[in-house]
Structure formats: C-alpha cells, structure tokens
C-alpha cells in the first residue's frame, strides 16, 4: 500500500504541475529482487533547484509522500527532470517489502 501511495503521489504531481495537456505513463518491472515502478510525464519538467526551494519553504510533498514512504520500506526514489522534456520518478522497493 505504501508503494501504491507513492505512485499515487507521483501521479498527483503530474496532475498539479505538468499542465492540462500532459500525459503520464507507468511502467512496472517485476524483478526477482525488487519491484521498480517508473512514472513518466511529458510536462514542462521541474526547474533546477525547485524541489530544494519547496523543501526550504516547508512544502515536503516529494520528500515525504514519495521518498519517505519508500525509505520506510528500504527502497529508493529517484527523480529526473529536464526543463521542457518532462519528469520521471523511479521507485524501487525490495521484493519482500513490495509484496506486503
């Protein structure tokens, strides 16, 4: 349920920040040792330094709703964003933790 909530948070961010015409894709990889879920969008991307600025302002959406959930499961979240090219969030959770 924590992995599903992190995916939901990533999709919520697409809806809030990528624009009305943006599309999102979800890829699930079921490896023997881990589950990898990638959420990608074709929105405008996140400007350099914006996440750090949001955290400094006390807005911890990505830090808590995505990274925090996965950290609690022993997993990781990597966010890659290129202005003008969209954003990709890769969520990795160890196999035993993803099955709960």
PDB file of N, CA and C in Angstrom:
ATOM      1  N   UNK A   1       0.822  -1.195   0.000  1.00  0.00           N
ATOM      2  CA  UNK A   1       0.000   0.000   0.000  1.00  0.00           C
ATOM      3  C   UNK A   1       0.868   1.262   0.000  1.00  0.00           C
ATOM      4  N   UNK A   2       2.056   1.193   0.613  1.00  0.00           N
ATOM      5  CA  UNK A   2       2.942   2.366   0.609  1.00  0.00           C
ATOM      6  C   UNK A   2       3.495   2.636  -0.789  1.00  0.00           C
ATOM      7  N   UNK A   3       3.826   1.573  -1.513  1.00  0.00           N
ATOM      8  CA  UNK A   3       4.299   1.751  -2.889  1.00  0.00           C
ATOM      9  C   UNK A   3       3.176   2.334  -3.748  1.00  0.00           C
ATOM     10  N   UNK A   4       1.972   1.822  -3.593  1.00  0.00           N
ATOM     11  CA  UNK A   4       0.826   2.350  -4.350  1.00  0.00           C
ATOM     12  C   UNK A   4       0.580   3.816  -3.996  1.00  0.00           C
ATOM     13  N   UNK A   5       0.729   4.171  -2.726  1.00  0.00           N
ATOM     14  CA  UNK A   5       0.541   5.565  -2.307  1.00  0.00           C
ATOM     15  C   UNK A   5       1.615   6.462  -2.910  1.00  0.00           C
ATOM     16  N   UNK A   6       2.849   5.976  -3.008  1.00  0.00           N
ATOM     17  CA  UNK A   6       3.924   6.760  -3.616  1.00  0.00           C
ATOM     18  C   UNK A   6       3.659   6.967  -5.108  1.00  0.00           C
ATOM     19  N   UNK A   7       3.167   5.934  -5.789  1.00  0.00           N
ATOM     20  CA  UNK A   7       2.805   6.071  -7.203  1.00  0.00           C
ATOM     21  C   UNK A   7       1.680   7.090  -7.336  1.00  0.00           C
ATOM     22  N   UNK A   8       0.688   7.005  -6.449  1.00  0.00           N
ATOM     23  CA  UNK A   8      -0.417   7.967  -6.462  1.00  0.00           C
ATOM     24  C   UNK A   8       0.067   9.391  -6.271  1.00  0.00           C
ATOM     25  N   UNK A   9       1.036   9.577  -5.374  1.00  0.00           N
ATOM     26  CA  UNK A   9       1.587  10.909  -5.144  1.00  0.00           C
ATOM     27  C   UNK A   9       2.313  11.425  -6.384  1.00  0.00           C
ATOM     28  N   UNK A  10       3.037  10.536  -7.063  1.00  0.00           N
ATOM     29  CA  UNK A  10       3.726  10.942  -8.293  1.00  0.00           C
ATOM     30  C   UNK A  10       2.708  11.348  -9.358  1.00  0.00           C
ATOM     31  N   UNK A  11       1.614  10.595  -9.472  1.00  0.00           N
ATOM     32  CA  UNK A  11       0.571  10.937 -10.443  1.00  0.00           C
ATOM     33  C   UNK A  11      -0.153  12.226 -10.058  1.00  0.00           C
ATOM     34  N   UNK A  12      -0.362  12.423  -8.763  1.00  0.00           N
ATOM     35  CA  UNK A  12      -0.949  13.688  -8.306  1.00  0.00           C
ATOM     36  C   UNK A  12      -0.079  14.867  -8.732  1.00  0.00           C
ATOM     37  N   UNK A  13       1.234  14.706  -8.626  1.00  0.00           N
ATOM     38  CA  UNK A  13       2.146  15.776  -9.032  1.00  0.00           C
ATOM     39  C   UNK A  13       2.038  16.061 -10.528  1.00  0.00           C
ATOM     40  N   UNK A  14       1.840  15.015 -11.330  1.00  0.00           N
ATOM     41  CA  UNK A  14       1.646  15.236 -12.765  1.00  0.00           C
ATOM     42  C   UNK A  14       0.398  16.095 -12.967  1.00  0.00           C
ATOM     43  N   UNK A  15      -0.692  15.720 -12.283  1.00  0.00           N
ATOM     44  CA  UNK A  15      -1.937  16.466 -12.422  1.00  0.00           C
ATOM     45  C   UNK A  15      -1.834  17.909 -11.976  1.00  0.00           C
ATOM     46  N   UNK A  16      -1.061  18.155 -10.940  1.00  0.00           N
ATOM     47  CA  UNK A  16      -0.936  19.510 -10.388  1.00  0.00           C
ATOM     48  C   UNK A  16       0.044  20.399 -11.132  1.00  0.00           C
ATOM     49  N   UNK A  17       1.122  19.792 -11.630  1.00  0.00           N
ATOM     50  CA  UNK A  17       2.235  20.610 -12.115  1.00  0.00           C
ATOM     51  C   UNK A  17       2.587  20.471 -13.596  1.00  0.00           C
ATOM     52  N   UNK A  18       2.137  19.419 -14.253  1.00  0.00           N
ATOM     53  CA  UNK A  18       2.586  19.184 -15.629  1.00  0.00           C
ATOM     54  C   UNK A  18       1.722  19.873 -16.677  1.00  0.00           C
ATOM     55  N   UNK A  19       0.554  20.360 -16.298  1.00  0.00           N
ATOM     56  CA  UNK A  19      -0.302  21.044 -17.254  1.00  0.00           C
ATOM     57  C   UNK A  19      -1.443  20.166 -17.739  1.00  0.00           C
ATOM     58  N   UNK A  20      -2.481  20.817 -18.214  1.00  0.00           N
ATOM     59  CA  UNK A  20      -3.709  20.120 -18.604  1.00  0.00           C
ATOM     60  C   UNK A  20      -3.511  19.161 -19.774  1.00  0.00           C
ATOM     61  N   UNK A  21      -2.561  19.431 -20.643  1.00  0.00           N
ATOM     62  CA  UNK A  21      -2.353  18.584 -21.817  1.00  0.00           C
ATOM     63  C   UNK A  21      -1.295  17.499 -21.606  1.00  0.00           C
ATOM     64  N   UNK A  22      -0.705  17.451 -20.424  1.00  0.00           N
ATOM     65  CA  UNK A  22       0.361  16.481 -20.166  1.00  0.00           C
ATOM     66  C   UNK A  22      -0.199  15.060 -20.100  1.00  0.00           C
ATOM     67  N   UNK A  23       0.612  14.131 -20.517  1.00  0.00           N
ATOM     68  CA  UNK A  23       0.283  12.708 -20.423  1.00  0.00           C
ATOM     69  C   UNK A  23       1.267  12.058 -19.457  1.00  0.00           C
ATOM     70  N   UNK A  24       0.825  10.963 -18.849  1.00  0.00           N
ATOM     71  CA  UNK A  24       1.692  10.217 -17.928  1.00  0.00           C
ATOM     72  C   UNK A  24       1.678   8.750 -18.316  1.00  0.00           C
ATOM     73  N   UNK A  25       2.799   8.089 -18.061  1.00  0.00           N
ATOM     74  CA  UNK A  25       2.943   6.660 -18.313  1.00  0.00           C
ATOM     75  C   UNK A  25       3.470   6.000 -17.054  1.00  0.00           C
ATOM     76  N   UNK A  26       3.038   4.773 -16.817  1.00  0.00           N
ATOM     77  CA  UNK A  26       3.522   3.986 -15.683  1.00  0.00           C
ATOM     78  C   UNK A  26       4.101   2.690 -16.231  1.00  0.00           C
ATOM     79  N   UNK A  27       5.316   2.386 -15.813  1.00  0.00           N
ATOM     80  CA  UNK A  27       5.980   1.137 -16.184  1.00  0.00           C
ATOM     81  C   UNK A  27       6.277   0.376 -14.900  1.00  0.00           C
ATOM     82  N   UNK A  28       5.896  -0.895 -14.850  1.00  0.00           N
ATOM     83  CA  UNK A  28       6.181  -1.743 -13.685  1.00  0.00           C
ATOM     84  C   UNK A  28       7.118  -2.855 -14.128  1.00  0.00           C
ATOM     85  N   UNK A  29       8.242  -2.963 -13.420  1.00  0.00           N
ATOM     86  CA  UNK A  29       9.206  -4.027 -13.684  1.00  0.00           C
ATOM     87  C   UNK A  29       9.228  -4.939 -12.460  1.00  0.00           C
ATOM     88  N   UNK A  30       8.987  -6.203 -12.685  1.00  0.00           N
ATOM     89  CA  UNK A  30       8.904  -7.198 -11.611  1.00  0.00           C
ATOM     90  C   UNK A  30      10.155  -8.063 -11.645  1.00  0.00           C
ATOM     91  N   UNK A  31      11.210  -7.574 -11.023  1.00  0.00           N
ATOM     92  CA  UNK A  31      12.477  -8.296 -10.993  1.00  0.00           C
ATOM     93  C   UNK A  31      12.500  -9.271  -9.817  1.00  0.00           C
ATOM     94  N   UNK A  32      13.392 -10.247  -9.843  1.00  0.00           N
ATOM     95  CA  UNK A  32      13.444 -11.219  -8.748  1.00  0.00           C
ATOM     96  C   UNK A  32      13.726 -10.601  -7.370  1.00  0.00           C
ATOM     97  N   UNK A  33      14.544  -9.546  -7.330  1.00  0.00           N
ATOM     98  CA  UNK A  33      14.935  -8.955  -6.057  1.00  0.00           C
ATOM     99  C   UNK A  33      14.203  -7.674  -5.698  1.00  0.00           C
ATOM    100  N   UNK A  34      13.557  -7.034  -6.673  1.00  0.00           N
ATOM    101  CA  UNK A  34      12.894  -5.768  -6.405  1.00  0.00           C
ATOM    102  C   UNK A  34      11.778  -5.503  -7.406  1.00  0.00           C
ATOM    103  N   UNK A  35      10.910  -4.596  -7.016  1.00  0.00           N
ATOM    104  CA  UNK A  35       9.877  -4.089  -7.908  1.00  0.00           C
ATOM    105  C   UNK A  35      10.259  -2.648  -8.233  1.00  0.00           C
ATOM    106  N   UNK A  36      10.218  -2.310  -9.517  1.00  0.00           N
ATOM    107  CA  UNK A  36      10.558  -0.967  -9.968  1.00  0.00           C
ATOM    108  C   UNK A  36       9.331  -0.405 -10.673  1.00  0.00           C
ATOM    109  N   UNK A  37       8.873   0.748 -10.207  1.00  0.00           N
ATOM    110  CA  UNK A  37       7.761   1.431 -10.850  1.00  0.00           C
ATOM    111  C   UNK A  37       8.267   2.784 -11.315  1.00  0.00           C
ATOM    112  N   UNK A  38       8.085   3.062 -12.590  1.00  0.00           N
ATOM    113  CA  UNK A  38       8.501   4.337 -13.156  1.00  0.00           C
ATOM    114  C   UNK A  38       7.262   5.106 -13.593  1.00  0.00           C
ATOM    115  N   UNK A  39       7.170   6.347 -13.140  1.00  0.00           N
ATOM    116  CA  UNK A  39       6.095   7.248 -13.565  1.00  0.00           C
ATOM    117  C   UNK A  39       6.768   8.359 -14.369  1.00  0.00           C
ATOM    118  N   UNK A  40       6.348   8.494 -15.620  1.00  0.00           N
ATOM    119  CA  UNK A  40       6.963   9.479 -16.511  1.00  0.00           C
ATOM    120  C   UNK A  40       5.879  10.376 -17.081  1.00  0.00           C
ATOM    121  N   UNK A  41       6.195  11.651 -17.260  1.00  0.00           N
ATOM    122  CA  UNK A  41       5.238  12.560 -17.899  1.00  0.00           C
ATOM    123  C   UNK A  41       5.940  13.374 -18.978  1.00  0.00           C
ATOM    124  N   UNK A  42       5.123  13.999 -19.821  1.00  0.00           N
ATOM    125  CA  UNK A  42       5.668  14.834 -20.886  1.00  0.00           C
ATOM    126  C   UNK A  42       5.379  16.318 -20.640  1.00  0.00           C
ATOM    127  N   UNK A  43       5.314  16.684 -19.359  1.00  0.00           N
ATOM    128  CA  UNK A  43       5.070  18.077 -18.977  1.00  0.00           C
ATOM    129  C   UNK A  43       6.304  18.939 -19.147  1.00  0.00           C
ATOM    130  N   UNK A  44       6.289  20.124 -18.550  1.00  0.00           N
ATOM    131  CA  UNK A  44       7.380  21.081 -18.734  1.00  0.00           C
ATOM    132  C   UNK A  44       8.652  20.767 -17.942  1.00  0.00           C
ATOM    133  N   UNK A  45       8.607  19.783 -17.062  1.00  0.00           N
ATOM    134  CA  UNK A  45       9.767  19.487 -16.234  1.00  0.00           C
ATOM    135  C   UNK A  45       9.823  20.399 -15.015  1.00  0.00           C
ATOM    136  N   UNK A  46      10.748  20.109 -14.139  1.00  0.00           N
ATOM    137  CA  UNK A  46      10.898  20.870 -12.899  1.00  0.00           C
ATOM    138  C   UNK A  46      12.125  21.766 -13.039  1.00  0.00           C
ATOM    139  N   UNK A  47      11.971  23.065 -12.841  1.00  0.00           N
ATOM    140  CA  UNK A  47      13.131  23.955 -12.941  1.00  0.00           C
ATOM    141  C   UNK A  47      14.221  23.567 -11.925  1.00  0.00           C
ATOM    142  N   UNK A  48      15.446  23.740 -12.331  1.00  0.00           N
ATOM    143  CA  UNK A  48      16.605  23.449 -11.473  1.00  0.00           C
ATOM    144  C   UNK A  48      16.457  24.136 -10.118  1.00  0.00           C
ATOM    145  N   UNK A  49      16.617  23.386  -9.035  1.00  0.00           N
ATOM    146  CA  UNK A  49      16.570  23.934  -7.684  1.00  0.00           C
ATOM    147  C   UNK A  49      15.177  24.078  -7.108  1.00  0.00           C
ATOM    148  N   UNK A  50      14.141  23.776  -7.874  1.00  0.00           N
ATOM    149  CA  UNK A  50      12.765  23.975  -7.397  1.00  0.00           C
ATOM    150  C   UNK A  50      12.410  23.053  -6.243  1.00  0.00           C
ATOM    151  N   UNK A  51      12.823  21.795  -6.278  1.00  0.00           N
ATOM    152  CA  UNK A  51      12.500  20.873  -5.176  1.00  0.00           C
ATOM    153  C   UNK A  51      13.171  21.305  -3.883  1.00  0.00           C
ATOM    154  N   UNK A  52      14.420  21.715  -3.963  1.00  0.00           N
ATOM    155  CA  UNK A  52      15.120  22.191  -2.768  1.00  0.00           C
ATOM    156  C   UNK A  52      14.439  23.441  -2.227  1.00  0.00           C
ATOM    157  N   UNK A  53      14.008  24.325  -3.099  1.00  0.00           N
ATOM    158  CA  UNK A  53      13.313  25.535  -2.677  1.00  0.00           C
ATOM    159  C   UNK A  53      11.999  25.176  -1.972  1.00  0.00           C
ATOM    160  N   UNK A  54      11.242  24.235  -2.532  1.00  0.00           N
ATOM    161  CA  UNK A  54       9.972  23.821  -1.927  1.00  0.00           C
ATOM    162  C   UNK A  54      10.198  23.237  -0.539  1.00  0.00           C
ATOM    163  N   UNK A  55      11.232  22.400  -0.393  1.00  0.00           N
ATOM    164  CA  UNK A  55      11.539  21.836   0.923  1.00  0.00           C
ATOM    165  C   UNK A  55      11.905  22.935   1.908  1.00  0.00           C
ATOM    166  N   UNK A  56      12.679  23.922   1.451  1.00  0.00           N
ATOM    167  CA  UNK A  56      13.052  25.053   2.300  1.00  0.00           C
ATOM    168  C   UNK A  56      11.854  25.875   2.740  1.00  0.00           C
ATOM    169  N   UNK A  57      10.790  25.873   1.941  1.00  0.00           N
ATOM    170  CA  UNK A  57       9.564  26.590   2.268  1.00  0.00           C
ATOM    171  C   UNK A  57       8.603  25.739   3.113  1.00  0.00           C
ATOM    172  N   UNK A  58       9.054  24.523   3.460  1.00  0.00           N
ATOM    173  CA  UNK A  58       8.219  23.648   4.273  1.00  0.00           C
ATOM    174  C   UNK A  58       7.240  22.808   3.480  1.00  0.00           C
ATOM    175  N   UNK A  59       7.326  22.861   2.167  1.00  0.00           N
ATOM    176  CA  UNK A  59       6.460  22.030   1.326  1.00  0.00           C
ATOM    177  C   UNK A  59       7.227  20.757   1.002  1.00  0.00           C
ATOM    178  N   UNK A  60       6.821  19.674   1.641  1.00  0.00           N
ATOM    179  CA  UNK A  60       7.600  18.442   1.598  1.00  0.00           C
ATOM    180  C   UNK A  60       6.921  17.325   0.817  1.00  0.00           C
ATOM    181  N   UNK A  61       6.119  17.658  -0.174  1.00  0.00           N
ATOM    182  CA  UNK A  61       5.376  16.651  -0.927  1.00  0.00           C
ATOM    183  C   UNK A  61       6.239  15.524  -1.456  1.00  0.00           C
ATOM    184  N   UNK A  62       7.243  15.847  -2.261  1.00  0.00           N
ATOM    185  CA  UNK A  62       8.092  14.794  -2.824  1.00  0.00           C
ATOM    186  C   UNK A  62       8.919  14.129  -1.734  1.00  0.00           C
ATOM    187  N   UNK A  63       9.449  14.932  -0.810  1.00  0.00           N
ATOM    188  CA  UNK A  63      10.310  14.387   0.238  1.00  0.00           C
ATOM    189  C   UNK A  63       9.576  13.381   1.111  1.00  0.00           C
ATOM    190  N   UNK A  64       8.351  13.684   1.493  1.00  0.00           N
ATOM    191  CA  UNK A  64       7.618  12.805   2.408  1.00  0.00           C
ATOM    192  C   UNK A  64       6.708  11.827   1.693  1.00  0.00           C
ATOM    193  N   UNK A  65       5.899  12.307   0.769  1.00  0.00           N
ATOM    194  CA  UNK A  65       4.890  11.439   0.184  1.00  0.00           C
ATOM    195  C   UNK A  65       5.484  10.402  -0.764  1.00  0.00           C
ATOM    196  N   UNK A  66       6.642  10.666  -1.295  1.00  0.00           N
ATOM    197  CA  UNK A  66       7.269   9.700  -2.192  1.00  0.00           C
ATOM    198  C   UNK A  66       8.530   9.106  -1.556  1.00  0.00           C
ATOM    199  N   UNK A  67       9.538   9.921  -1.351  1.00  0.00           N
ATOM    200  CA  UNK A  67      10.806   9.392  -0.824  1.00  0.00           C
ATOM    201  C   UNK A  67      10.656   8.792   0.567  1.00  0.00           C
ATOM    202  N   UNK A  68       9.900   9.468   1.428  1.00  0.00           N
ATOM    203  CA  UNK A  68       9.731   8.976   2.795  1.00  0.00           C
ATOM    204  C   UNK A  68       9.049   7.627   2.852  1.00  0.00           C
ATOM    205  N   UNK A  69       8.023   7.440   2.041  1.00  0.00           N
ATOM    206  CA  UNK A  69       7.305   6.154   2.020  1.00  0.00           C
ATOM    207  C   UNK A  69       8.236   5.024   1.595  1.00  0.00           C
ATOM    208  N   UNK A  70       9.039   5.267   0.577  1.00  0.00           N
ATOM    209  CA  UNK A  70       9.917   4.212   0.089  1.00  0.00           C
ATOM    210  C   UNK A  70      11.085   3.960   1.022  1.00  0.00           C
ATOM    211  N   UNK A  71      11.581   5.014   1.637  1.00  0.00           N
ATOM    212  CA  UNK A  71      12.666   4.852   2.603  1.00  0.00           C
ATOM    213  C   UNK A  71      12.220   3.935   3.741  1.00  0.00           C
ATOM    214  N   UNK A  72      10.966   4.098   4.184  1.00  0.00           N
ATOM    215  CA  UNK A  72      10.429   3.252   5.249  1.00  0.00           C
ATOM    216  C   UNK A  72      10.366   1.789   4.843  1.00  0.00           C
ATOM    217  N   UNK A  73      10.336   1.504   3.535  1.00  0.00           N
ATOM    218  CA  UNK A  73      10.300   0.133   3.028  1.00  0.00           C
ATOM    219  C   UNK A  73      11.686  -0.381   2.637  1.00  0.00           C
ATOM    220  N   UNK A  74      12.698   0.456   2.820  1.00  0.00           N
ATOM    221  CA  UNK A  74      14.038   0.074   2.398  1.00  0.00           C
ATOM    222  C   UNK A  74      14.273   0.319   0.919  1.00  0.00           C
ATOM    223  N   UNK A  75      13.400   1.108   0.311  1.00  0.00           N
ATOM    224  CA  UNK A  75      13.506   1.393  -1.110  1.00  0.00           C
ATOM    225  C   UNK A  75      14.048   2.783  -1.378  1.00  0.00           C
ATOM    226  N   UNK A  76      14.036   3.149  -2.643  1.00  0.00           N
ATOM    227  CA  UNK A  76      14.546   4.452  -3.049  1.00  0.00           C
ATOM    228  C   UNK A  76      13.613   5.087  -4.082  1.00  0.00           C
ATOM    229  N   UNK A  77      13.720   6.379  -4.209  1.00  0.00           N
ATOM    230  CA  UNK A  77      13.001   7.117  -5.239  1.00  0.00           C
ATOM    231  C   UNK A  77      13.995   8.067  -5.890  1.00  0.00           C
ATOM    232  N   UNK A  78      14.066   7.997  -7.197  1.00  0.00           N
ATOM    233  CA  UNK A  78      14.941   8.892  -7.944  1.00  0.00           C
ATOM    234  C   UNK A  78      14.076   9.729  -8.869  1.00  0.00           C
ATOM    235  N   UNK A  79      14.301  11.017  -8.844  1.00  0.00           N
ATOM    236  CA  UNK A  79      13.533  11.933  -9.669  1.00  0.00           C
ATOM    237  C   UNK A  79      14.466  12.558 -10.696  1.00  0.00           C
ATOM    238  N   UNK A  80      14.105  12.435 -11.958  1.00  0.00           N
ATOM    239  CA  UNK A  80      14.891  13.013 -13.041  1.00  0.00           C
ATOM    240  C   UNK A  80      13.963  13.943 -13.807  1.00  0.00           C
ATOM    241  N   UNK A  81      14.360  15.181 -13.950  1.00  0.00           N
ATOM    242  CA  UNK A  81      13.532  16.143 -14.659  1.00  0.00           C
ATOM    243  C   UNK A  81      14.409  17.033 -15.513  1.00  0.00           C
ATOM    244  N   UNK A  82      13.971  17.229 -16.743  1.00  0.00           N
ATOM    245  CA  UNK A  82      14.666  18.105 -17.668  1.00  0.00           C
ATOM    246  C   UNK A  82      13.676  19.176 -18.104  1.00  0.00           C
ATOM    247  N   UNK A  83      13.965  20.445 -17.796  1.00  0.00           N
ATOM    248  CA  UNK A  83      13.044  21.502 -18.219  1.00  0.00           C
ATOM    249  C   UNK A  83      12.712  21.385 -19.708  1.00  0.00           C
ATOM    250  N   UNK A  84      11.420  21.407 -19.998  1.00  0.00           N
ATOM    251  CA  UNK A  84      10.956  21.292 -21.369  1.00  0.00           C
ATOM    252  C   UNK A  84      10.785  19.876 -21.868  1.00  0.00           C
ATOM    253  N   UNK A  85      11.190  18.873 -21.064  1.00  0.00           N
ATOM    254  CA  UNK A  85      11.132  17.486 -21.523  1.00  0.00           C
ATOM    255  C   UNK A  85      10.391  16.558 -20.576  1.00  0.00           C
ATOM    256  N   UNK A  86       9.883  17.044 -19.475  1.00  0.00           N
ATOM    257  CA  UNK A  86       9.117  16.192 -18.577  1.00  0.00           C
ATOM    258  C   UNK A  86       9.896  15.712 -17.367  1.00  0.00           C
ATOM    259  N   UNK A  87       9.226  14.861 -16.618  1.00  0.00           N
ATOM    260  CA  UNK A  87       9.772  14.360 -15.357  1.00  0.00           C
ATOM    261  C   UNK A  87       9.579  12.852 -15.293  1.00  0.00           C
ATOM    262  N   UNK A  88      10.536  12.182 -14.676  1.00  0.00           N
ATOM    263  CA  UNK A  88      10.457  10.739 -14.465  1.00  0.00           C
ATOM    264  C   UNK A  88      10.777  10.458 -13.001  1.00  0.00           C
ATOM    265  N   UNK A  89       9.929   9.672 -12.363  1.00  0.00           N
ATOM    266  CA  UNK A  89      10.156   9.243 -10.987  1.00  0.00           C
ATOM    267  C   UNK A  89      10.314   7.736 -11.019  1.00  0.00           C
ATOM    268  N   UNK A  90      11.458   7.250 -10.545  1.00  0.00           N
ATOM    269  CA  UNK A  90      11.713   5.810 -10.497  1.00  0.00           C
ATOM    270  C   UNK A  90      11.674   5.353  -9.045  1.00  0.00           C
ATOM    271  N   UNK A  91      10.758   4.457  -8.747  1.00  0.00           N
ATOM    272  CA  UNK A  91      10.556   3.941  -7.395  1.00  0.00           C
ATOM    273  C   UNK A  91      11.051   2.500  -7.344  1.00  0.00           C
ATOM    274  N   UNK A  92      11.943   2.215  -6.405  1.00  0.00           N
ATOM    275  CA  UNK A  92      12.496   0.861  -6.257  1.00  0.00           C
ATOM    276  C   UNK A  92      12.237   0.364  -4.836  1.00  0.00           C
ATOM    277  N   UNK A  93      11.660  -0.836  -4.751  1.00  0.00           N
ATOM    278  CA  UNK A  93      11.354  -1.428  -3.450  1.00  0.00           C
ATOM    279  C   UNK A  93      11.829  -2.873  -3.446  1.00  0.00           C
ATOM    280  N   UNK A  94      12.548  -3.298  -2.390  1.00  0.00           N
ATOM    281  CA  UNK A  94      12.963  -4.700  -2.306  1.00  0.00           C
ATOM    282  C   UNK A  94      11.753  -5.633  -2.410  1.00  0.00           C
ATOM    283  N   UNK A  95      11.911  -6.748  -3.060  1.00  0.00           N
ATOM    284  CA  UNK A  95      10.853  -7.681  -3.368  1.00  0.00           C
ATOM    285  C   UNK A  95       9.965  -8.020  -2.185  1.00  0.00           C
ATOM    286  N   UNK A  96      10.500  -8.407  -1.065  1.00  0.00           N
ATOM    287  CA  UNK A  96       9.684  -8.787   0.104  1.00  0.00           C
ATOM    288  C   UNK A  96       8.836  -7.643   0.627  1.00  0.00           C
ATOM    289  N   UNK A  97       9.361  -6.429   0.572  1.00  0.00           N
ATOM    290  CA  UNK A  97       8.636  -5.260   1.061  1.00  0.00           C
ATOM    291  C   UNK A  97       7.512  -4.865   0.104  1.00  0.00           C
ATOM    292  N   UNK A  98       7.708  -5.059  -1.194  1.00  0.00           N
ATOM    293  CA  UNK A  98       6.700  -4.654  -2.174  1.00  0.00           C
ATOM    294  C   UNK A  98       5.480  -5.568  -2.123  1.00  0.00           C
ATOM    295  N   UNK A  99       5.644  -6.768  -1.600  1.00  0.00           N
ATOM    296  CA  UNK A  99       4.543  -7.726  -1.588  1.00  0.00           C
ATOM    297  C   UNK A  99       3.618  -7.564  -0.416  1.00  0.00           C
ATOM    298  N   UNK A 100       3.963  -6.735   0.535  1.00  0.00           N
ATOM    299  CA  UNK A 100       3.100  -6.572   1.716  1.00  0.00           C
ATOM    300  C   UNK A 100       1.838  -5.849   1.401  1.00  0.00           C
TER     301      UNK A 100
END
